[in-house]
Amino acid sequence: MRTIATTLALCALLCSPTLALASEGDAENERGVAARTRDVIADIFIARPLALGQLAVGAAVFVVAFPVDLIMDEDLDSTRVCIADPWDQLVTRPLGEL
């Protein structure tokens, strides 16, 4: 129960700055803020957990692919594909940019 309350409080804190912009009264701005809020919520609850799963699967694949890359003298694309790209999607990508 405490985890649910913490999650809801975190979501409220993350969404409150964008919801405060909606009080300006401009109808077009309100639609833009609503769309931005939906993007942020979708990013928090859908895209980031999927990126975390992608990173976990990529780490497991990397354990097998890295020695193969070393043996074949490849340019270590497995590091970028399995670890760096999912990490960028999970951590460095701005919130709400899907």
C-alpha atoms as a PDB file:
ATOM      1  CA  MET A   1       0.000   0.000   0.000  1.00  0.00           C
ATOM      2  CA  ARG A   2       2.868   2.330   0.779  1.00  0.00           C
ATOM      3  CA  THR A   3       4.390   1.675  -2.659  1.00  0.00           C
ATOM      4  CA  ILE A   4       1.153   2.660  -4.388  1.00  0.00           C
ATOM      5  CA  ALA A   5       0.919   5.863  -2.372  1.00  0.00           C
ATOM      6  CA  THR A   6       4.534   6.714  -3.162  1.00  0.00           C
ATOM      7  CA  THR A   7       3.986   6.058  -6.872  1.00  0.00           C
ATOM      8  CA  LEU A   8       0.879   8.249  -6.972  1.00  0.00           C
ATOM      9  CA  ALA A   9       2.655  11.039  -5.108  1.00  0.00           C
ATOM     10  CA  LEU A  10       5.579  10.864  -7.539  1.00  0.00           C
ATOM     11  CA  CYS A  11       3.231  11.043 -10.530  1.00  0.00           C
ATOM     12  CA  ALA A  12       1.413  14.013  -9.019  1.00  0.00           C
ATOM     13  CA  LEU A  13       4.702  15.844  -8.503  1.00  0.00           C
ATOM     14  CA  LEU A  14       5.884  15.099 -12.030  1.00  0.00           C
ATOM     15  CA  CYS A  15       2.619  16.191 -13.645  1.00  0.00           C
ATOM     16  CA  SER A  16       1.887  19.266 -11.521  1.00  0.00           C
ATOM     17  CA  PRO A  17       4.132  21.729 -13.426  1.00  0.00           C
ATOM     18  CA  THR A  18       2.490  20.889 -16.756  1.00  0.00           C
ATOM     19  CA  LEU A  19      -1.001  20.983 -15.263  1.00  0.00           C
ATOM     20  CA  ALA A  20      -0.314  24.409 -13.748  1.00  0.00           C
ATOM     21  CA  LEU A  21       0.328  25.783 -17.241  1.00  0.00           C
ATOM     22  CA  ALA A  22      -3.232  24.886 -18.234  1.00  0.00           C
ATOM     23  CA  SER A  23      -4.651  27.609 -16.003  1.00  0.00           C
ATOM     24  CA  GLU A  24      -3.557  30.339 -18.431  1.00  0.00           C
ATOM     25  CA  GLY A  25      -6.919  30.109 -20.200  1.00  0.00           C
ATOM     26  CA  ASP A  26      -5.786  29.739 -23.794  1.00  0.00           C
ATOM     27  CA  ALA A  27      -7.710  26.852 -25.386  1.00  0.00           C
ATOM     28  CA  GLU A  28      -4.885  25.932 -27.741  1.00  0.00           C
ATOM     29  CA  ASN A  29      -2.382  25.972 -24.901  1.00  0.00           C
ATOM     30  CA  GLU A  30      -4.678  23.728 -22.850  1.00  0.00           C
ATOM     31  CA  ARG A  31      -4.791  21.154 -25.656  1.00  0.00           C
ATOM     32  CA  GLY A  32      -1.006  21.282 -25.950  1.00  0.00           C
ATOM     33  CA  VAL A  33      -0.553  20.862 -22.202  1.00  0.00           C
ATOM     34  CA  ALA A  34      -3.019  17.975 -22.140  1.00  0.00           C
ATOM     35  CA  ALA A  35      -1.140  16.254 -24.963  1.00  0.00           C
ATOM     36  CA  ARG A  36       2.181  16.857 -23.192  1.00  0.00           C
ATOM     37  CA  THR A  37       0.753  15.474 -19.946  1.00  0.00           C
ATOM     38  CA  ARG A  38      -0.434  12.340 -21.768  1.00  0.00           C
ATOM     39  CA  ASP A  39       3.033  11.930 -23.285  1.00  0.00           C
ATOM     40  CA  VAL A  40       4.692  12.210 -19.872  1.00  0.00           C
ATOM     41  CA  ILE A  41       2.281   9.731 -18.278  1.00  0.00           C
ATOM     42  CA  ALA A  42       2.709   7.272 -21.159  1.00  0.00           C
ATOM     43  CA  ASP A  43       6.462   7.667 -20.874  1.00  0.00           C
ATOM     44  CA  ILE A  44       6.474   7.006 -17.116  1.00  0.00           C
ATOM     45  CA  PHE A  45       4.135   4.014 -17.123  1.00  0.00           C
ATOM     46  CA  ILE A  46       4.756   2.393 -20.523  1.00  0.00           C
ATOM     47  CA  ALA A  47       7.956   3.464 -22.281  1.00  0.00           C
ATOM     48  CA  ARG A  48      10.363   3.557 -19.319  1.00  0.00           C
ATOM     49  CA  PRO A  49       9.391   0.111 -17.955  1.00  0.00           C
ATOM     50  CA  LEU A  50       9.722  -1.334 -21.467  1.00  0.00           C
ATOM     51  CA  ALA A  51      13.134   0.315 -21.807  1.00  0.00           C
ATOM     52  CA  LEU A  52      14.152  -1.225 -18.479  1.00  0.00           C
ATOM     53  CA  GLY A  53      13.097  -4.648 -19.781  1.00  0.00           C
ATOM     54  CA  GLN A  54      14.997  -4.009 -23.001  1.00  0.00           C
ATOM     55  CA  LEU A  55      18.093  -3.137 -20.987  1.00  0.00           C
ATOM     56  CA  ALA A  56      17.779  -6.331 -18.912  1.00  0.00           C
ATOM     57  CA  VAL A  57      17.387  -8.514 -22.013  1.00  0.00           C
ATOM     58  CA  GLY A  58      20.197  -6.617 -23.744  1.00  0.00           C
ATOM     59  CA  ALA A  59      22.514  -7.260 -20.789  1.00  0.00           C
ATOM     60  CA  ALA A  60      21.772 -10.994 -21.003  1.00  0.00           C
ATOM     61  CA  VAL A  61      22.423 -11.015 -24.754  1.00  0.00           C
ATOM     62  CA  PHE A  62      25.576  -8.953 -24.243  1.00  0.00           C
ATOM     63  CA  VAL A  63      27.056 -11.645 -21.986  1.00  0.00           C
ATOM     64  CA  VAL A  64      26.926 -14.046 -24.935  1.00  0.00           C
ATOM     65  CA  ALA A  65      27.662 -11.589 -27.752  1.00  0.00           C
ATOM     66  CA  PHE A  66      30.683  -9.829 -26.254  1.00  0.00           C
ATOM     67  CA  PRO A  67      33.051 -12.832 -26.321  1.00  0.00           C
ATOM     68  CA  VAL A  68      31.928 -13.611 -29.867  1.00  0.00           C
ATOM     69  CA  ASP A  69      32.742 -10.023 -30.894  1.00  0.00           C
ATOM     70  CA  LEU A  70      36.175 -10.320 -29.307  1.00  0.00           C
ATOM     71  CA  ILE A  71      36.917 -13.606 -31.069  1.00  0.00           C
ATOM     72  CA  MET A  72      35.761 -12.301 -34.439  1.00  0.00           C
ATOM     73  CA  ASP A  73      37.608  -8.971 -33.987  1.00  0.00           C
ATOM     74  CA  GLU A  74      34.442  -6.985 -34.601  1.00  0.00           C
ATOM     75  CA  ASP A  75      34.194  -3.319 -33.644  1.00  0.00           C
ATOM     76  CA  LEU A  76      32.116  -4.180 -30.533  1.00  0.00           C
ATOM     77  CA  ASP A  77      28.710  -3.163 -31.879  1.00  0.00           C
ATOM     78  CA  SER A  78      27.185  -5.441 -29.257  1.00  0.00           C
ATOM     79  CA  THR A  79      28.060  -2.908 -26.560  1.00  0.00           C
ATOM     80  CA  ARG A  80      26.184  -0.139 -28.347  1.00  0.00           C
ATOM     81  CA  VAL A  81      23.204  -2.238 -29.383  1.00  0.00           C
ATOM     82  CA  CYS A  82      22.754  -4.214 -26.161  1.00  0.00           C
ATOM     83  CA  ILE A  83      23.763  -1.697 -23.507  1.00  0.00           C
ATOM     84  CA  ALA A  84      24.241   1.899 -24.721  1.00  0.00           C
ATOM     85  CA  ASP A  85      21.075   2.355 -26.798  1.00  0.00           C
ATOM     86  CA  PRO A  86      18.691   0.920 -24.165  1.00  0.00           C
ATOM     87  CA  TRP A  87      20.473   2.974 -21.477  1.00  0.00           C
ATOM     88  CA  ASP A  88      19.958   6.136 -23.528  1.00  0.00           C
ATOM     89  CA  GLN A  89      16.267   5.305 -23.931  1.00  0.00           C
ATOM     90  CA  LEU A  90      15.894   4.665 -20.204  1.00  0.00           C
ATOM     91  CA  VAL A  91      17.990   7.391 -18.615  1.00  0.00           C
ATOM     92  CA  THR A  92      19.191  10.139 -20.939  1.00  0.00           C
ATOM     93  CA  ARG A  93      16.066  10.656 -23.077  1.00  0.00           C
ATOM     94  CA  PRO A  94      13.994  13.636 -21.827  1.00  0.00           C
ATOM     95  CA  LEU A  95      10.737  12.755 -20.113  1.00  0.00           C
ATOM     96  CA  GLY A  96       7.786  12.805 -22.497  1.00  0.00           C
ATOM     97  CA  GLU A  97       9.763  12.517 -25.744  1.00  0.00           C
ATOM     98  CA  LEU A  98       8.553   9.224 -27.144  1.00  0.00           C
END
